[in-house]
Amino acid sequence: MEKFSALRIFNDGGTVAGRVAELTLEELSPGEVVFRNSYASVNYKDALAATGAGKIIRSFPRVGGIDAAGVVESSFDPRFHAGEEVICTSYELGVSHDGGYAQYCRVPADWVVPLPAGLTLFEAAALGVAGYTAGLAIELLELNGMAPKSGKVLVNGATGGVATLAIDMLAKLGYHVVAVTGKDGEHGFLKELGAAEVLSRHTLEMVNRPLEKATWAAAFDSVGGEQLAWLTRTMQPEGLIASFGNAGGIEFRTTVLPFILRGVRLIGVNSGETPMPLRRKIWGRLATDLKPRHLARIAHEIKLGELPGYFEKMLKGEIRGRAVVKLW
């Protein structure tokens, strides 16, 4: 196989940065399945990894990208065959195993999901880890009793990748979605996605009382920190919170009162190591009842060489929705 392009991340004397390089298949991490990669998405974790802002990558150099979607070129595992369209997300992809920012990927067969009917490769990449995380969060909260009749559902950090997709999915399912954002110029965009109400984070009073007015039946939080603590105090009795991000910090302070007096449940969402039967179930839902109605509005294409600049914008909170890297 001839050389192909990839965004490879290097650590030069403590400075972590990614640049486009030419690789051969033999230079990639080992695996049973090789696929010609069509698309990969850009996630907050990718930005942390590629800039060194987070200690994500365990050994250098490394091809970045924690998800990919493409067509099988060859497989040593009988579950997959040449010409089959597949998705690969999470696990160690882009962390300790070469990831999706390459025109070819070589991965363990146990990480690969056949593309479900109802999705194109572009749509699968536009969803990527973010869409999968949103879908998994909805599944977990539904298993704990979340239903449209229960009341308002808040989505925090509303212009982020997971949050925009969650808003679209929840609105499609019939939930009354309240979006919270610090970007006051994006209220119209969030309403287009299905938010029934949009609140400015700058107008919220996050005072440090043990309990506040019981408002939300459920909440989806990608922020953490002080805002997650505020959510615990404002949930309805038996309210459910899905926690899947830390853009506002990894620590938060609260009391036990929301949990012992209102029965609030804080549910962690780990999309990295989901058992394969559940992973396939979520991808099946993403192709059917959870498939966003406004994916073309949320996602846009960028080129491989644009990634370093895009990472910087993402870390500064200057983006919205989903960027999809077109590899060919």
Protein backbone atom coordinates (compact mmCIF):
# COMPACT_ATOMS: atom_id res chain seq x y z
CA MET A 1 0.00 0.00 0.00
CA GLU A 2 1.29 3.45 -0.88
CA LYS A 3 1.79 6.14 1.72
CA PHE A 4 -1.26 8.01 2.98
CA SER A 5 -1.94 11.18 4.94
CA ALA A 6 -2.56 11.35 8.69
CA LEU A 7 -2.50 13.88 11.50
CA ARG A 8 0.26 12.59 13.73
CA ILE A 9 0.77 14.04 17.19
CA PHE A 10 4.31 14.51 18.48
CA ASN A 11 5.83 15.45 21.81
CA ASP A 12 8.89 17.55 21.08
CA GLY A 13 10.64 18.29 24.35
CA GLY A 14 7.37 18.63 26.24
CA THR A 15 5.55 20.57 23.49
CA VAL A 16 2.66 18.51 22.16
CA ALA A 17 1.35 19.33 18.68
CA GLY A 18 -0.10 17.61 15.65
CA ARG A 19 0.95 17.92 12.03
CA VAL A 20 0.05 16.19 8.79
CA ALA A 21 2.49 13.40 7.93
CA GLU A 22 2.77 10.64 5.36
CA LEU A 23 2.58 7.11 6.79
CA THR A 24 2.52 3.50 5.66
CA LEU A 25 0.17 0.85 6.99
CA GLU A 26 3.06 -0.86 8.77
CA GLU A 27 3.55 2.26 10.90
CA LEU A 28 0.04 2.04 12.37
CA SER A 29 -0.87 0.21 15.56
CA PRO A 30 -1.71 -3.48 15.04
CA GLY A 31 -5.22 -4.84 14.50
CA GLU A 32 -7.22 -7.43 12.59
CA VAL A 33 -9.29 -4.98 10.53
CA VAL A 34 -7.98 -2.42 8.04
CA PHE A 35 -10.43 0.10 6.61
CA ARG A 36 -10.18 2.97 4.19
CA ASN A 37 -11.30 5.83 6.37
CA SER A 38 -13.85 8.24 4.93
CA TYR A 39 -14.58 10.56 7.86
CA ALA A 40 -13.66 11.29 11.48
CA SER A 41 -15.15 13.84 13.83
CA VAL A 42 -13.60 16.42 16.15
CA ASN A 43 -14.25 15.96 19.85
CA TYR A 44 -13.17 17.92 22.91
CA LYS A 45 -11.02 14.97 23.94
CA ASP A 46 -9.26 15.16 20.56
CA ALA A 47 -8.44 18.81 21.15
CA LEU A 48 -7.06 18.05 24.61
CA ALA A 49 -4.96 15.21 23.23
CA ALA A 50 -3.55 17.01 20.20
CA THR A 51 -2.51 20.15 22.05
CA GLY A 52 -1.25 18.65 25.29
CA ALA A 53 -3.93 20.57 27.21
CA GLY A 54 -4.93 17.22 28.67
CA LYS A 55 -2.67 14.24 29.33
CA ILE A 56 -4.64 11.94 27.03
CA ILE A 57 -2.07 10.28 24.78
CA ARG A 58 0.06 7.68 26.51
CA SER A 59 2.89 7.32 23.99
CA PHE A 60 4.15 9.40 21.08
CA PRO A 61 4.00 9.80 18.17
CA ARG A 62 0.32 8.94 17.78
CA VAL A 63 -2.30 9.40 15.08
CA GLY A 64 -5.12 11.32 16.78
CA GLY A 65 -8.87 10.94 16.49
CA ILE A 66 -11.16 8.93 18.77
CA ASP A 67 -13.63 7.91 16.08
CA ALA A 68 -13.72 6.96 12.40
CA ALA A 69 -16.08 5.65 9.73
CA GLY A 70 -15.03 3.91 6.53
CA VAL A 71 -15.00 0.83 4.30
CA VAL A 72 -13.18 -2.40 5.18
CA GLU A 73 -10.13 -3.01 3.02
CA SER A 74 -9.11 -6.31 4.62
CA SER A 75 -9.89 -8.36 7.72
CA PHE A 76 -8.32 -11.31 9.49
CA ASP A 77 -11.54 -11.66 11.51
CA PRO A 78 -14.45 -13.51 9.85
CA ARG A 79 -16.99 -11.08 11.33
CA PHE A 80 -15.93 -8.43 8.80
CA HIS A 81 -15.27 -8.52 5.07
CA ALA A 82 -13.85 -6.26 2.38
CA GLY A 83 -16.32 -3.65 1.18
CA GLU A 84 -18.31 -3.52 4.43
CA GLU A 85 -19.05 -0.08 5.89
CA VAL A 86 -18.04 0.18 9.54
CA ILE A 87 -17.71 2.52 12.51
CA CYS A 88 -14.97 2.54 15.15
CA THR A 89 -15.20 4.79 18.19
CA SER A 90 -13.69 5.13 21.67
CA TYR A 91 -11.81 2.28 23.37
CA GLU A 92 -8.10 3.23 23.01
CA LEU A 93 -8.48 4.81 19.58
CA GLY A 94 -6.41 7.99 19.37
CA VAL A 95 -5.08 7.41 22.90
CA SER A 96 -2.76 4.39 23.00
CA HIS A 97 -3.76 3.17 19.52
CA ASP A 98 -3.49 5.11 16.26
CA GLY A 99 -6.80 6.81 15.59
CA GLY A 100 -9.17 8.21 13.03
CA TYR A 101 -7.26 11.19 11.63
CA ALA A 102 -5.76 9.04 8.88
CA GLN A 103 -6.84 7.88 5.44
CA TYR A 104 -6.43 4.29 6.60
CA CYS A 105 -7.09 2.77 10.04
CA ARG A 106 -6.01 -0.57 11.46
CA VAL A 107 -7.90 -1.60 14.58
CA PRO A 108 -8.85 -4.63 16.71
CA ALA A 109 -11.95 -6.37 15.37
CA ASP A 110 -13.59 -6.22 18.80
CA TRP A 111 -13.81 -2.42 18.46
CA VAL A 112 -15.62 -2.41 15.12
CA VAL A 113 -19.36 -1.85 14.64
CA PRO A 114 -21.08 -2.52 11.29
CA LEU A 115 -22.71 0.64 9.95
CA PRO A 116 -26.43 0.24 10.75
CA ALA A 117 -29.03 0.67 8.03
CA GLY A 118 -30.31 4.22 8.09
CA LEU A 119 -26.94 5.95 8.45
CA THR A 120 -24.39 7.09 5.89
CA LEU A 121 -20.69 7.15 6.71
CA PHE A 122 -20.82 10.95 6.94
CA GLU A 123 -23.77 10.81 9.34
CA ALA A 124 -22.03 8.17 11.47
CA ALA A 125 -18.94 10.37 11.75
CA ALA A 126 -21.02 13.49 12.39
CA LEU A 127 -22.55 11.60 15.31
CA GLY A 128 -19.27 9.94 16.34
CA VAL A 129 -18.35 9.73 19.99
CA ALA A 130 -20.48 12.79 20.76
CA GLY A 131 -23.64 11.35 19.26
CA TYR A 132 -22.96 7.99 20.83
CA THR A 133 -22.49 9.65 24.23
CA ALA A 134 -25.75 11.58 23.85
CA GLY A 135 -27.59 8.41 22.84
CA LEU A 136 -26.09 6.41 25.70
CA ALA A 137 -27.04 9.15 28.18
CA ILE A 138 -30.64 9.10 26.95
CA GLU A 139 -30.75 5.30 27.17
CA LEU A 140 -29.41 5.30 30.74
CA LEU A 141 -31.83 7.99 31.94
CA GLU A 142 -34.76 6.25 30.26
CA LEU A 143 -33.82 3.06 32.10
CA ASN A 144 -34.07 5.09 35.31
CA GLY A 145 -37.54 6.41 34.49
CA MET A 146 -37.04 9.52 32.35
CA ALA A 147 -40.12 10.19 30.22
CA PRO A 148 -41.58 13.24 28.44
CA LYS A 149 -44.47 13.40 30.90
CA SER A 150 -42.09 13.85 33.86
CA GLY A 151 -41.30 17.49 33.10
CA LYS A 152 -38.65 19.78 31.66
CA VAL A 153 -35.24 18.44 30.62
CA LEU A 154 -32.27 20.80 30.86
CA VAL A 155 -29.26 20.50 28.54
CA ASN A 156 -26.23 22.39 29.87
CA GLY A 157 -23.33 23.65 27.75
CA ALA A 158 -25.87 23.61 24.95
CA THR A 159 -23.71 24.53 21.95
CA GLY A 160 -21.21 21.71 22.46
CA GLY A 161 -21.10 18.62 20.28
CA VAL A 162 -22.82 16.19 22.66
CA ALA A 163 -25.31 18.82 23.83
CA THR A 164 -26.48 19.94 20.38
CA LEU A 165 -27.11 16.35 19.38
CA ALA A 166 -28.86 15.60 22.68
CA ILE A 167 -31.19 18.59 22.19
CA ASP A 168 -32.14 17.35 18.73
CA MET A 169 -32.68 13.76 19.92
CA LEU A 170 -34.68 14.71 23.01
CA ALA A 171 -36.94 17.09 21.09
CA LYS A 172 -37.59 14.38 18.51
CA LEU A 173 -38.66 12.04 21.34
CA GLY A 174 -41.17 14.63 22.61
CA TYR A 175 -39.29 16.12 25.58
CA HIS A 176 -39.63 19.77 26.60
CA VAL A 177 -35.98 20.78 26.28
CA VAL A 178 -34.47 23.78 28.05
CA ALA A 179 -31.03 24.72 26.71
CA VAL A 180 -28.52 26.62 28.85
CA THR A 181 -25.64 28.42 27.15
CA GLY A 182 -23.17 31.19 27.81
CA LYS A 183 -23.27 32.16 24.12
CA ASP A 184 -26.13 34.62 23.90
CA GLY A 185 -25.85 34.85 20.12
CA GLU A 186 -26.75 31.18 19.66
CA HIS A 187 -30.28 31.17 21.09
CA GLY A 188 -31.87 31.05 17.64
CA PHE A 189 -29.69 28.13 16.56
CA LEU A 190 -30.63 26.13 19.66
CA LYS A 191 -34.33 26.72 19.09
CA GLU A 192 -33.91 25.52 15.51
CA LEU A 193 -32.59 22.23 16.90
CA GLY A 194 -35.68 21.78 19.05
CA ALA A 195 -35.08 23.62 22.33
CA ALA A 196 -38.42 24.89 23.66
CA GLU A 197 -36.62 27.41 25.89
CA VAL A 198 -33.10 28.84 25.94
CA LEU A 199 -31.60 30.33 29.09
CA SER A 200 -28.50 32.49 29.28
CA ARG A 201 -26.01 31.14 31.79
CA HIS A 202 -25.16 34.75 32.66
CA THR A 203 -28.64 35.31 34.09
CA LEU A 204 -28.76 32.23 36.31
CA GLU A 205 -28.33 32.77 40.04
CA MET A 206 -26.12 29.94 41.24
CA VAL A 207 -26.19 30.82 44.92
CA ASN A 208 -24.82 28.32 47.36
CA ARG A 209 -28.02 27.15 49.09
CA PRO A 210 -28.36 23.47 49.97
CA LEU A 211 -31.59 23.24 47.94
CA GLU A 212 -33.21 25.53 45.41
CA LYS A 213 -36.52 25.55 43.54
CA ALA A 214 -37.23 22.08 42.17
CA THR A 215 -37.36 22.69 38.43
CA TRP A 216 -35.92 19.97 36.20
CA ALA A 217 -37.08 16.39 35.75
CA ALA A 218 -33.79 15.50 34.09
CA ALA A 219 -30.55 17.21 33.06
CA PHE A 220 -27.69 16.51 30.68
CA ASP A 221 -24.41 18.08 31.77
CA SER A 222 -21.16 18.44 29.84
CA VAL A 223 -19.78 21.21 32.06
CA GLY A 224 -19.19 19.90 35.58
CA GLY A 225 -17.83 22.21 38.25
CA GLU A 226 -20.08 24.82 39.81
CA GLN A 227 -22.81 24.33 37.24
CA LEU A 228 -23.18 20.63 37.99
CA ALA A 229 -23.42 21.45 41.70
CA TRP A 230 -26.19 23.95 40.88
CA LEU A 231 -28.04 21.27 38.93
CA THR A 232 -28.07 18.90 41.89
CA ARG A 233 -29.82 21.61 43.94
CA THR A 234 -32.47 22.42 41.32
CA MET A 235 -33.75 18.97 40.37
CA GLN A 236 -37.30 17.78 40.97
CA PRO A 237 -37.86 14.87 43.35
CA GLU A 238 -36.46 11.71 41.72
CA GLY A 239 -34.70 13.95 39.19
CA LEU A 240 -32.01 12.44 36.96
CA ILE A 241 -28.69 13.98 35.92
CA ALA A 242 -26.43 12.55 33.21
CA SER A 243 -22.82 13.68 33.67
CA PHE A 244 -20.48 13.27 30.69
CA GLY A 245 -18.12 16.26 30.57
CA ASN A 246 -15.85 18.57 32.51
CA ALA A 247 -15.50 21.76 30.43
CA GLY A 248 -16.11 23.77 33.62
CA GLY A 249 -13.84 21.73 35.89
CA ILE A 250 -13.43 18.23 37.29
CA GLU A 251 -14.52 19.10 40.84
CA PHE A 252 -17.84 20.26 42.25
CA ARG A 253 -19.11 20.89 45.78
CA THR A 254 -22.62 20.09 46.93
CA THR A 255 -24.39 18.54 49.91
CA VAL A 256 -26.11 15.22 50.37
CA LEU A 257 -29.50 16.93 50.73
CA PRO A 258 -30.54 16.71 47.03
CA PHE A 259 -29.88 12.99 47.17
CA ILE A 260 -31.46 12.10 50.52
CA LEU A 261 -34.36 14.59 50.54
CA ARG A 262 -35.30 14.60 46.85
CA GLY A 263 -33.89 11.29 45.67
CA VAL A 264 -31.84 12.94 42.94
CA ARG A 265 -29.74 10.48 40.94
CA LEU A 266 -26.42 11.48 39.37
CA ILE A 267 -25.57 9.04 36.58
CA GLY A 268 -22.11 8.91 35.01
CA VAL A 269 -21.93 8.26 31.28
CA ASN A 270 -18.78 6.46 30.13
CA SER A 271 -18.88 5.92 26.39
CA GLY A 272 -15.35 4.56 26.16
CA GLU A 273 -15.74 0.95 27.28
CA THR A 274 -19.41 0.12 26.64
CA PRO A 275 -20.02 -3.63 26.20
CA MET A 276 -20.52 -4.40 22.51
CA PRO A 277 -24.18 -5.55 22.75
CA LEU A 278 -25.15 -2.20 24.30
CA ARG A 279 -22.88 -0.33 21.86
CA ARG A 280 -24.64 -1.93 18.90
CA LYS A 281 -28.02 -1.20 20.45
CA ILE A 282 -27.20 2.51 20.82
CA TRP A 283 -25.92 2.74 17.25
CA GLY A 284 -29.12 1.06 16.12
CA ARG A 285 -31.12 3.73 17.93
CA LEU A 286 -28.93 6.47 16.44
CA ALA A 287 -29.98 5.20 13.02
CA THR A 288 -33.69 5.13 13.94
CA ASP A 289 -35.58 6.80 16.79
CA LEU A 290 -32.59 8.84 18.04
CA LYS A 291 -31.36 9.96 14.62
CA PRO A 292 -31.16 13.78 14.80
CA ARG A 293 -33.44 15.66 12.45
CA HIS A 294 -30.99 18.54 11.99
CA LEU A 295 -27.68 16.73 11.60
CA ALA A 296 -26.85 18.68 8.44
CA ARG A 297 -27.37 21.88 10.43
CA ILE A 298 -25.20 20.71 13.31
CA ALA A 299 -22.29 19.22 11.33
CA HIS A 300 -19.90 20.72 8.80
CA GLU A 301 -16.84 19.41 6.96
CA ILE A 302 -13.23 20.47 7.46
CA LYS A 303 -9.96 19.23 5.97
CA LEU A 304 -7.22 17.29 7.72
CA GLY A 305 -4.82 20.24 7.62
CA GLU A 306 -7.36 22.49 9.35
CA LEU A 307 -7.37 20.40 12.53
CA PRO A 308 -4.64 22.19 14.54
CA GLY A 309 -6.37 25.56 14.22
CA TYR A 310 -9.75 24.02 14.94
CA PHE A 311 -8.46 22.42 18.13
CA GLU A 312 -7.40 25.83 19.44
CA LYS A 313 -10.83 27.32 18.71
CA MET A 314 -12.53 24.38 20.42
CA LEU A 315 -10.49 24.81 23.60
CA LYS A 316 -11.38 28.51 23.63
CA GLY A 317 -15.10 27.69 23.38
CA GLU A 318 -15.39 29.35 19.98
CA ILE A 319 -17.17 26.57 18.10
CA ARG A 320 -20.64 25.08 18.00
CA GLY A 321 -21.98 21.78 16.75
CA ARG A 322 -19.83 19.17 15.06
CA ALA A 323 -16.86 19.30 12.68
CA VAL A 324 -16.31 16.29 10.43
CA VAL A 325 -12.91 15.68 8.87
CA LYS A 326 -13.16 14.51 5.26
CA LEU A 327 -10.19 12.24 4.66
CA TRP A 328 -10.41 11.88 0.86
